[in-house]
Amino acid sequence: MFPILSPEVETFLTVSRAGSFTKAADALFITPTAVMKRIDKLEKEIGAELFRRFKTGAERREARAAPTF
């Protein structure tokens, strides 16, 4: 789908569009567990939670500026 992007970013974009990890997994031809692992890795790398997870799907979190001290 997005050939020049890392697998994690490609997965983030696909989940954002699909609205669920399961639908994104279907679109990417991988398992929902692989989708979750990619999103977890990306969240760990950037230090922020990207999605609110629900039983019925996932919702992107709003970006917030880091506090300045």
Protein backbone atom coordinates (compact mmCIF):
# COMPACT_ATOMS: atom_id res chain seq x y z
CA MET A 1 0.00 0.00 0.00
CA PHE A 2 2.63 2.51 1.11
CA PRO A 3 5.88 0.98 -0.25
CA ILE A 4 8.35 3.63 0.94
CA LEU A 5 7.15 3.68 4.55
CA SER A 6 8.32 1.54 7.43
CA PRO A 7 5.99 -1.36 8.28
CA GLU A 8 5.03 0.39 11.52
CA VAL A 9 4.04 3.65 9.82
CA GLU A 10 2.21 1.77 7.07
CA THR A 11 0.30 -0.11 9.76
CA PHE A 12 -0.50 3.11 11.64
CA LEU A 13 -1.96 4.67 8.49
CA THR A 14 -3.94 1.54 7.68
CA VAL A 15 -5.41 1.27 11.20
CA SER A 16 -6.28 4.97 11.06
CA ARG A 17 -8.20 4.47 7.84
CA ALA A 18 -9.77 1.12 8.73
CA GLY A 19 -10.79 2.02 12.28
CA SER A 20 -9.80 -1.34 13.73
CA PHE A 21 -6.78 -3.58 14.09
CA THR A 22 -8.66 -6.53 12.59
CA LYS A 23 -9.71 -4.64 9.45
CA ALA A 24 -6.18 -3.26 9.08
CA ALA A 25 -4.78 -6.79 9.41
CA ASP A 26 -7.06 -7.96 6.61
CA ALA A 27 -5.98 -5.06 4.39
CA LEU A 28 -2.28 -5.72 5.09
CA PHE A 29 -2.58 -9.53 4.82
CA ILE A 30 -1.12 -10.03 8.31
CA THR A 31 -2.59 -11.16 11.63
CA PRO A 32 -4.25 -8.78 14.11
CA THR A 33 -1.48 -9.72 16.57
CA ALA A 34 1.15 -8.52 14.09
CA VAL A 35 -0.76 -5.23 13.73
CA MET A 36 -0.80 -4.78 17.52
CA LYS A 37 2.92 -5.54 17.77
CA ARG A 38 3.75 -2.99 15.06
CA ILE A 39 1.62 -0.31 16.71
CA ASP A 40 3.12 -1.12 20.13
CA LYS A 41 6.62 -0.80 18.67
CA LEU A 42 5.82 2.55 17.05
CA GLU A 43 4.22 3.86 20.27
CA LYS A 44 7.29 2.82 22.25
CA GLU A 45 9.62 4.50 19.73
CA ILE A 46 7.81 7.84 19.85
CA GLY A 47 6.82 7.64 23.51
CA ALA A 48 3.11 8.24 23.01
CA GLU A 49 -0.08 6.24 22.78
CA LEU A 50 -1.44 6.56 19.23
CA PHE A 51 -4.81 4.83 19.58
CA ARG A 52 -7.55 4.37 22.12
CA ARG A 53 -8.47 0.71 21.96
CA PHE A 54 -12.06 -0.50 22.22
CA LYS A 55 -13.67 -3.89 21.79
CA THR A 56 -15.30 -2.53 18.64
CA GLY A 57 -12.23 -0.89 17.12
CA ALA A 58 -9.53 1.73 17.55
CA GLU A 59 -9.65 5.50 17.58
CA ARG A 60 -6.68 7.77 16.92
CA ARG A 61 -5.61 9.94 19.81
CA GLU A 62 -5.25 13.66 19.30
CA ALA A 63 -1.70 14.97 19.11
CA ARG A 64 -0.63 17.10 22.04
CA ALA A 65 2.39 19.30 22.41
CA ALA A 66 4.90 18.25 25.02
CA PRO A 67 4.92 20.50 28.08
CA THR A 68 7.75 23.00 28.30
CA PHE A 69 9.50 23.63 31.60
